[in-house]
N, C-alpha and C. Protein backbone atom coordinates (compact mmCIF):
# COMPACT_ATOMS: atom_id res chain seq x y z
N UNK A 1 136.60 121.73 189.40
CA UNK A 1 135.66 122.84 189.34
C UNK A 1 136.39 124.16 189.64
N UNK A 2 137.27 124.13 190.67
CA UNK A 2 138.03 125.34 191.01
C UNK A 2 138.92 125.78 189.85
N UNK A 3 139.45 124.79 189.16
CA UNK A 3 140.30 125.12 188.02
C UNK A 3 139.51 125.80 186.90
N UNK A 4 138.28 125.30 186.67
CA UNK A 4 137.41 125.91 185.65
C UNK A 4 137.04 127.32 186.07
N UNK A 5 136.72 127.51 187.34
CA UNK A 5 136.37 128.84 187.86
C UNK A 5 137.56 129.77 187.69
N UNK A 6 138.75 129.28 188.00
CA UNK A 6 139.95 130.11 187.85
C UNK A 6 140.17 130.47 186.39
N UNK A 7 139.97 129.48 185.49
CA UNK A 7 140.10 129.76 184.05
C UNK A 7 139.08 130.79 183.59
N UNK A 8 137.86 130.63 184.06
CA UNK A 8 136.81 131.57 183.68
C UNK A 8 137.14 132.96 184.21
N UNK A 9 137.62 133.05 185.45
CA UNK A 9 137.99 134.34 186.03
C UNK A 9 139.13 134.98 185.25
N UNK A 10 140.14 134.19 184.86
CA UNK A 10 141.24 134.72 184.06
C UNK A 10 140.73 135.21 182.71
N UNK A 11 139.87 134.43 182.08
CA UNK A 11 139.32 134.83 180.80
C UNK A 11 138.46 136.08 180.95
N UNK A 12 137.67 136.15 182.00
CA UNK A 12 136.84 137.33 182.26
C UNK A 12 137.74 138.56 182.45
N UNK A 13 138.80 138.41 183.21
CA UNK A 13 139.73 139.51 183.45
C UNK A 13 140.39 139.94 182.14
N UNK A 14 140.79 138.95 181.36
CA UNK A 14 141.40 139.23 180.06
C UNK A 14 140.42 139.95 179.14
N UNK A 15 139.17 139.50 179.13
CA UNK A 15 138.15 140.13 178.29
C UNK A 15 137.84 141.55 178.76
N UNK A 16 137.83 141.75 180.06
CA UNK A 16 137.59 143.10 180.58
C UNK A 16 138.72 144.04 180.16
N UNK A 17 139.95 143.56 180.25
CA UNK A 17 141.09 144.37 179.82
C UNK A 17 141.01 144.64 178.32
N UNK A 18 140.63 143.63 177.56
CA UNK A 18 140.48 143.80 176.12
C UNK A 18 139.38 144.81 175.81
N UNK A 19 138.28 144.75 176.55
CA UNK A 19 137.19 145.69 176.35
C UNK A 19 137.67 147.12 176.61
N UNK A 20 138.41 147.31 177.68
CA UNK A 20 138.94 148.64 178.00
C UNK A 20 139.85 149.13 176.87
N UNK A 21 140.71 148.25 176.40
CA UNK A 21 141.61 148.60 175.30
C UNK A 21 140.83 148.94 174.04
N UNK A 22 139.83 148.10 173.72
CA UNK A 22 139.03 148.35 172.52
C UNK A 22 138.24 149.65 172.63
N UNK A 23 137.72 149.93 173.80
CA UNK A 23 136.97 151.18 173.98
C UNK A 23 137.91 152.37 173.84
N UNK A 24 139.13 152.26 174.36
CA UNK A 24 140.11 153.34 174.22
C UNK A 24 140.49 153.51 172.74
N UNK A 25 140.71 152.38 172.04
CA UNK A 25 141.02 152.45 170.61
C UNK A 25 139.88 153.09 169.83
N UNK A 26 138.66 152.71 170.18
CA UNK A 26 137.49 153.27 169.50
C UNK A 26 137.41 154.76 169.77
N UNK A 27 137.64 155.15 171.00
CA UNK A 27 137.62 156.57 171.36
C UNK A 27 138.68 157.33 170.57
N UNK A 28 139.88 156.75 170.48
CA UNK A 28 140.96 157.38 169.71
C UNK A 28 140.59 157.48 168.23
N UNK A 29 139.96 156.45 167.70
CA UNK A 29 139.55 156.47 166.29
C UNK A 29 138.50 157.57 166.06
N UNK A 30 137.58 157.71 166.99
CA UNK A 30 136.57 158.76 166.86
C UNK A 30 137.24 160.13 166.92
N UNK A 31 138.21 160.28 167.84
CA UNK A 31 138.91 161.55 167.96
C UNK A 31 139.68 161.85 166.67
N UNK A 32 140.37 160.86 166.12
CA UNK A 32 141.11 161.05 164.87
C UNK A 32 140.16 161.44 163.74
N UNK A 33 138.99 160.82 163.72
CA UNK A 33 138.00 161.14 162.68
C UNK A 33 137.55 162.58 162.83
N UNK A 34 137.29 163.02 164.06
CA UNK A 34 136.89 164.40 164.29
C UNK A 34 138.00 165.37 163.86
N UNK A 35 139.25 165.00 164.14
CA UNK A 35 140.37 165.83 163.72
C UNK A 35 140.45 165.89 162.20
N UNK A 36 140.19 164.76 161.55
CA UNK A 36 140.21 164.72 160.08
C UNK A 36 139.11 165.62 159.52
N UNK A 37 137.96 165.60 160.15
CA UNK A 37 136.86 166.46 159.70
C UNK A 37 137.26 167.93 159.85
N UNK A 38 137.91 168.26 160.96
CA UNK A 38 138.38 169.64 161.17
C UNK A 38 139.40 170.04 160.11
N UNK A 39 140.32 169.11 159.78
CA UNK A 39 141.30 169.42 158.73
C UNK A 39 140.60 169.65 157.39
N UNK A 40 139.58 168.85 157.13
CA UNK A 40 138.81 169.02 155.90
C UNK A 40 138.13 170.39 155.88
N UNK A 41 137.58 170.80 157.02
CA UNK A 41 136.94 172.12 157.09
C UNK A 41 137.96 173.22 156.83
N UNK A 42 139.14 173.09 157.46
CA UNK A 42 140.18 174.11 157.26
C UNK A 42 140.62 174.14 155.80
N UNK A 43 140.77 172.97 155.19
CA UNK A 43 141.18 172.92 153.78
C UNK A 43 140.11 173.55 152.89
N UNK A 44 138.85 173.30 153.22
CA UNK A 44 137.76 173.89 152.45
C UNK A 44 137.76 175.40 152.60
N UNK A 45 137.99 175.88 153.83
CA UNK A 45 138.05 177.32 154.05
C UNK A 45 139.21 177.95 153.28
N UNK A 46 140.36 177.28 153.30
CA UNK A 46 141.52 177.79 152.57
C UNK A 46 141.23 177.83 151.07
N UNK A 47 140.55 176.80 150.59
CA UNK A 47 140.22 176.77 149.16
C UNK A 47 139.25 177.91 148.82
N UNK A 48 138.29 178.16 149.70
CA UNK A 48 137.35 179.25 149.48
C UNK A 48 138.07 180.59 149.46
N UNK A 49 139.02 180.77 150.38
CA UNK A 49 139.80 182.01 150.40
C UNK A 49 140.62 182.16 149.12
N UNK A 50 141.20 181.07 148.66
CA UNK A 50 141.99 181.12 147.43
C UNK A 50 141.10 181.47 146.24
N UNK A 51 139.89 180.92 146.21
CA UNK A 51 138.97 181.23 145.12
C UNK A 51 138.57 182.70 145.17
N UNK A 52 138.35 183.21 146.38
CA UNK A 52 137.99 184.63 146.53
C UNK A 52 139.15 185.52 146.05
N UNK A 53 140.36 185.16 146.45
CA UNK A 53 141.53 185.93 146.03
C UNK A 53 141.67 185.90 144.51
N UNK A 54 141.42 184.74 143.92
CA UNK A 54 141.50 184.62 142.46
C UNK A 54 140.43 185.51 141.81
N UNK A 55 139.23 185.50 142.36
CA UNK A 55 138.15 186.34 141.81
C UNK A 55 138.51 187.81 141.93
N UNK A 56 139.08 188.20 143.08
CA UNK A 56 139.51 189.59 143.25
C UNK A 56 140.58 189.96 142.23
N UNK A 57 141.53 189.08 142.05
CA UNK A 57 142.60 189.35 141.08
C UNK A 57 142.04 189.43 139.66
N UNK A 58 141.09 188.54 139.34
CA UNK A 58 140.46 188.60 138.01
C UNK A 58 139.74 189.93 137.81
N UNK A 59 139.06 190.39 138.87
CA UNK A 59 138.35 191.66 138.79
C UNK A 59 139.33 192.81 138.58
N UNK A 60 140.47 192.76 139.25
CA UNK A 60 141.47 193.82 139.09
C UNK A 60 142.06 193.81 137.68
N UNK A 61 142.29 192.62 137.14
CA UNK A 61 142.80 192.53 135.76
C UNK A 61 141.77 193.11 134.79
N UNK A 62 140.50 192.77 135.01
CA UNK A 62 139.44 193.30 134.14
C UNK A 62 139.38 194.83 134.26
N UNK A 63 139.53 195.32 135.49
CA UNK A 63 139.52 196.77 135.70
C UNK A 63 140.70 197.42 134.97
N UNK A 64 141.88 196.81 135.08
CA UNK A 64 143.06 197.36 134.41
C UNK A 64 142.86 197.38 132.89
N UNK A 65 142.27 196.32 132.37
CA UNK A 65 142.00 196.28 130.92
C UNK A 65 141.01 197.37 130.52
N UNK A 66 140.00 197.57 131.35
CA UNK A 66 139.00 198.61 131.06
C UNK A 66 139.64 199.99 131.10
N UNK A 67 140.50 200.21 132.07
CA UNK A 67 141.18 201.51 132.16
C UNK A 67 142.10 201.72 130.96
N UNK A 68 142.75 200.66 130.53
CA UNK A 68 143.62 200.77 129.35
C UNK A 68 142.80 201.14 128.12
N UNK A 69 141.66 200.50 127.96
CA UNK A 69 140.80 200.80 126.82
C UNK A 69 140.28 202.24 126.92
N UNK A 70 139.91 202.65 128.12
CA UNK A 70 139.42 204.02 128.33
C UNK A 70 140.54 205.03 128.04
N UNK A 71 141.74 204.70 128.49
CA UNK A 71 142.87 205.60 128.24
C UNK A 71 143.11 205.76 126.75
N UNK A 72 143.00 204.67 126.01
CA UNK A 72 143.19 204.76 124.56
C UNK A 72 142.09 205.61 123.94
N UNK A 73 140.87 205.44 124.39
CA UNK A 73 139.75 206.23 123.86
C UNK A 73 139.91 207.70 124.24
N UNK A 74 140.31 207.94 125.50
CA UNK A 74 140.54 209.32 125.96
C UNK A 74 141.66 209.98 125.15
N UNK A 75 142.69 209.21 124.87
CA UNK A 75 143.83 209.75 124.11
C UNK A 75 143.39 210.19 122.73
N UNK A 76 142.57 209.37 122.11
CA UNK A 76 142.07 209.74 120.79
C UNK A 76 141.24 211.03 120.88
N UNK A 77 140.41 211.09 121.89
CA UNK A 77 139.51 212.24 122.03
C UNK A 77 140.27 213.50 122.42
N UNK A 78 141.26 213.40 123.26
CA UNK A 78 141.96 214.57 123.76
C UNK A 78 143.22 214.89 122.99
N UNK A 79 143.62 214.04 122.09
CA UNK A 79 144.81 214.28 121.29
C UNK A 79 146.09 214.16 122.10
N UNK A 80 146.12 213.27 123.10
CA UNK A 80 147.31 213.07 123.92
C UNK A 80 148.42 212.51 123.04
N UNK A 81 149.60 212.92 123.30
CA UNK A 81 150.73 212.44 122.50
C UNK A 81 150.94 210.95 122.71
N UNK A 82 151.50 210.32 121.71
CA UNK A 82 151.70 208.88 121.80
C UNK A 82 152.67 208.50 122.91
N UNK A 83 153.62 209.37 123.24
CA UNK A 83 154.56 209.06 124.32
C UNK A 83 153.83 208.99 125.66
N UNK A 84 152.96 209.95 125.91
CA UNK A 84 152.18 209.97 127.17
C UNK A 84 151.25 208.75 127.23
N UNK A 85 150.64 208.45 126.12
CA UNK A 85 149.76 207.28 126.06
C UNK A 85 150.57 206.00 126.31
N UNK A 86 151.75 205.95 125.75
CA UNK A 86 152.61 204.77 125.95
C UNK A 86 152.95 204.61 127.43
N UNK A 87 153.23 205.72 128.14
CA UNK A 87 153.52 205.65 129.58
C UNK A 87 152.32 205.07 130.34
N UNK A 88 151.14 205.56 130.00
CA UNK A 88 149.94 205.06 130.68
C UNK A 88 149.72 203.58 130.37
N UNK A 89 149.94 203.20 129.11
CA UNK A 89 149.79 201.80 128.73
C UNK A 89 150.79 200.93 129.48
N UNK A 90 152.03 201.42 129.59
CA UNK A 90 153.06 200.66 130.32
C UNK A 90 152.68 200.49 131.78
N UNK A 91 152.18 201.57 132.40
CA UNK A 91 151.78 201.49 133.81
C UNK A 91 150.65 200.48 133.99
N UNK A 92 149.67 200.53 133.09
CA UNK A 92 148.56 199.58 133.17
C UNK A 92 149.04 198.16 132.87
N UNK A 93 149.96 198.01 131.96
CA UNK A 93 150.51 196.68 131.65
C UNK A 93 151.26 196.13 132.87
N UNK A 94 151.98 197.02 133.57
CA UNK A 94 152.66 196.58 134.80
C UNK A 94 151.66 196.10 135.84
N UNK A 95 150.57 196.86 135.98
CA UNK A 95 149.53 196.45 136.93
C UNK A 95 148.93 195.11 136.53
N UNK A 96 148.69 194.96 135.25
CA UNK A 96 148.14 193.70 134.75
C UNK A 96 149.11 192.54 135.02
N UNK A 97 150.40 192.76 134.79
CA UNK A 97 151.41 191.72 135.03
C UNK A 97 151.43 191.34 136.51
N UNK A 98 151.30 192.33 137.38
CA UNK A 98 151.28 192.06 138.82
C UNK A 98 150.06 191.22 139.19
N UNK A 99 148.92 191.55 138.61
CA UNK A 99 147.70 190.77 138.88
C UNK A 99 147.86 189.33 138.38
N UNK A 100 148.46 189.16 137.23
CA UNK A 100 148.68 187.82 136.70
C UNK A 100 149.65 187.04 137.57
N UNK A 101 150.66 187.74 138.11
CA UNK A 101 151.59 187.08 139.03
C UNK A 101 150.86 186.58 140.27
N UNK A 102 149.96 187.40 140.79
CA UNK A 102 149.16 187.00 141.96
C UNK A 102 148.32 185.78 141.61
N UNK A 103 147.73 185.78 140.43
CA UNK A 103 146.92 184.62 140.00
C UNK A 103 147.79 183.37 139.90
N UNK A 104 149.01 183.52 139.39
CA UNK A 104 149.93 182.38 139.30
C UNK A 104 150.29 181.83 140.67
N UNK A 105 150.40 182.72 141.67
CA UNK A 105 150.72 182.27 143.03
C UNK A 105 149.55 181.51 143.65
N UNK A 106 148.34 181.86 143.25
CA UNK A 106 147.17 181.19 143.82
C UNK A 106 147.02 179.76 143.31
N UNK A 107 147.53 179.48 142.15
CA UNK A 107 147.42 178.13 141.57
C UNK A 107 147.93 177.04 142.50
N UNK A 108 149.18 177.15 143.02
CA UNK A 108 149.68 176.10 143.92
C UNK A 108 148.86 175.99 145.21
N UNK A 109 148.33 177.10 145.71
CA UNK A 109 147.50 177.04 146.91
C UNK A 109 146.25 176.21 146.66
N UNK A 110 145.64 176.43 145.51
CA UNK A 110 144.43 175.67 145.19
C UNK A 110 144.77 174.19 145.05
N UNK A 111 145.90 173.89 144.44
CA UNK A 111 146.33 172.50 144.29
C UNK A 111 146.59 171.88 145.66
N UNK A 112 147.26 172.62 146.54
CA UNK A 112 147.55 172.13 147.89
C UNK A 112 146.25 171.89 148.66
N UNK A 113 145.31 172.79 148.54
CA UNK A 113 144.02 172.63 149.22
C UNK A 113 143.31 171.36 148.73
N UNK A 114 143.33 171.16 147.43
CA UNK A 114 142.69 169.96 146.87
C UNK A 114 143.38 168.70 147.36
N UNK A 115 144.74 168.73 147.42
CA UNK A 115 145.48 167.56 147.90
C UNK A 115 145.13 167.28 149.36
N UNK A 116 145.10 168.35 150.18
CA UNK A 116 144.77 168.16 151.60
C UNK A 116 143.35 167.64 151.78
N UNK A 117 142.44 168.14 150.98
CA UNK A 117 141.06 167.69 151.07
C UNK A 117 140.96 166.21 150.74
N UNK A 118 141.71 165.77 149.72
CA UNK A 118 141.70 164.37 149.34
C UNK A 118 142.30 163.50 150.45
N UNK A 119 143.39 163.96 151.08
CA UNK A 119 144.02 163.20 152.16
C UNK A 119 143.09 163.10 153.36
N UNK A 120 142.41 164.18 153.67
CA UNK A 120 141.47 164.16 154.79
C UNK A 120 140.36 163.16 154.51
N UNK A 121 139.89 163.13 153.27
CA UNK A 121 138.83 162.20 152.90
C UNK A 121 139.32 160.75 153.05
N UNK A 122 140.54 160.48 152.62
CA UNK A 122 141.12 159.14 152.76
C UNK A 122 141.26 158.79 154.25
N UNK A 123 141.76 159.74 155.05
CA UNK A 123 141.90 159.51 156.49
C UNK A 123 140.56 159.24 157.14
N UNK A 124 139.55 159.98 156.73
CA UNK A 124 138.22 159.81 157.32
C UNK A 124 137.68 158.43 157.00
N UNK A 125 137.86 157.97 155.77
CA UNK A 125 137.40 156.62 155.39
C UNK A 125 138.15 155.55 156.19
N UNK A 126 139.46 155.74 156.35
CA UNK A 126 140.26 154.77 157.11
C UNK A 126 139.81 154.73 158.56
N UNK A 127 139.57 155.89 159.14
CA UNK A 127 139.15 155.96 160.54
C UNK A 127 137.75 155.37 160.73
N UNK A 128 136.87 155.60 159.79
CA UNK A 128 135.53 155.03 159.88
C UNK A 128 135.61 153.50 159.83
N UNK A 129 136.47 152.99 158.95
CA UNK A 129 136.67 151.55 158.85
C UNK A 129 137.24 150.99 160.15
N UNK A 130 138.20 151.69 160.71
CA UNK A 130 138.83 151.26 161.98
C UNK A 130 137.80 151.28 163.11
N UNK A 131 136.95 152.30 163.14
CA UNK A 131 135.92 152.38 164.18
C UNK A 131 134.96 151.21 164.07
N UNK A 132 134.62 150.84 162.82
CA UNK A 132 133.74 149.67 162.62
C UNK A 132 134.42 148.40 163.11
N UNK A 133 135.70 148.23 162.81
CA UNK A 133 136.45 147.05 163.27
C UNK A 133 136.46 146.98 164.79
N UNK A 134 136.74 148.12 165.41
CA UNK A 134 136.81 148.15 166.88
C UNK A 134 135.45 147.87 167.50
N UNK A 135 134.39 148.36 166.89
CA UNK A 135 133.05 148.10 167.40
C UNK A 135 132.75 146.60 167.31
N UNK A 136 133.13 146.00 166.19
CA UNK A 136 132.91 144.56 166.02
C UNK A 136 133.72 143.77 167.05
N UNK A 137 134.96 144.17 167.30
CA UNK A 137 135.78 143.49 168.30
C UNK A 137 135.19 143.66 169.70
N UNK A 138 134.65 144.82 169.99
CA UNK A 138 134.04 145.08 171.29
C UNK A 138 132.82 144.21 171.48
N UNK A 139 131.99 144.07 170.46
CA UNK A 139 130.81 143.21 170.54
C UNK A 139 131.25 141.76 170.78
N UNK A 140 132.28 141.34 170.05
CA UNK A 140 132.77 139.96 170.21
C UNK A 140 133.32 139.75 171.63
N UNK A 141 134.03 140.73 172.15
CA UNK A 141 134.59 140.61 173.51
C UNK A 141 133.47 140.55 174.54
N UNK A 142 132.43 141.35 174.35
CA UNK A 142 131.29 141.32 175.28
C UNK A 142 130.58 139.97 175.21
N UNK A 143 130.48 139.43 173.99
CA UNK A 143 129.84 138.12 173.81
C UNK A 143 130.66 137.04 174.52
N UNK A 144 132.00 137.10 174.39
CA UNK A 144 132.85 136.12 175.07
C UNK A 144 132.75 136.27 176.60
N UNK A 145 132.65 137.49 177.05
CA UNK A 145 132.52 137.74 178.49
C UNK A 145 131.20 137.16 179.01
N UNK A 146 130.12 137.35 178.24
CA UNK A 146 128.83 136.80 178.62
C UNK A 146 128.89 135.28 178.64
N UNK A 147 129.54 134.70 177.63
CA UNK A 147 129.70 133.25 177.59
C UNK A 147 130.48 132.74 178.79
N UNK A 148 131.54 133.48 179.15
CA UNK A 148 132.35 133.09 180.30
C UNK A 148 131.53 133.18 181.58
N UNK A 149 130.70 134.19 181.71
CA UNK A 149 129.86 134.33 182.88
C UNK A 149 128.86 133.20 182.96
N UNK A 150 128.30 132.83 181.81
CA UNK A 150 127.33 131.72 181.76
C UNK A 150 128.01 130.41 182.17
N UNK A 151 129.21 130.18 181.66
CA UNK A 151 129.94 128.96 182.03
C UNK A 151 130.27 128.94 183.50
N UNK A 152 130.58 130.10 184.05
CA UNK A 152 130.94 130.17 185.48
C UNK A 152 129.73 129.87 186.33
N UNK A 153 128.54 130.32 185.93
CA UNK A 153 127.34 130.06 186.68
C UNK A 153 126.95 128.59 186.63
N UNK A 154 127.33 127.93 185.53
CA UNK A 154 127.01 126.50 185.40
C UNK A 154 127.89 125.73 186.35
């Protein structure tokens, strides 16, 4: 009988230690999931900023095109020499090229944001799965502990 009690006590101690470990693992999994959600939020914010920058750049390109068209119309109306008009066209073309360069730089940022968002989503799914596993292990450990207590009382 003493040997059974000792076995039950060892198993109870082992189960208690396992429960503590599982609870710590579950807590860590929840923390990792929260961190993944934060990374997703940051990636979404970065993507929104990139989209805003792209929209601003598009607006500037449209403005440059409108000014170029206006300059051509003004030149016709005012009889500006073709050399002066060419200078204005070149300046506007330079501005347009700069805006397009900015748009080209935004492309990799948007791609990076999308990649990070996908990774965060994968991490979140993995962490949710791990949390479910740990919860199931914790329930099983509690069930074994209850069984051990019942055997000890018998």
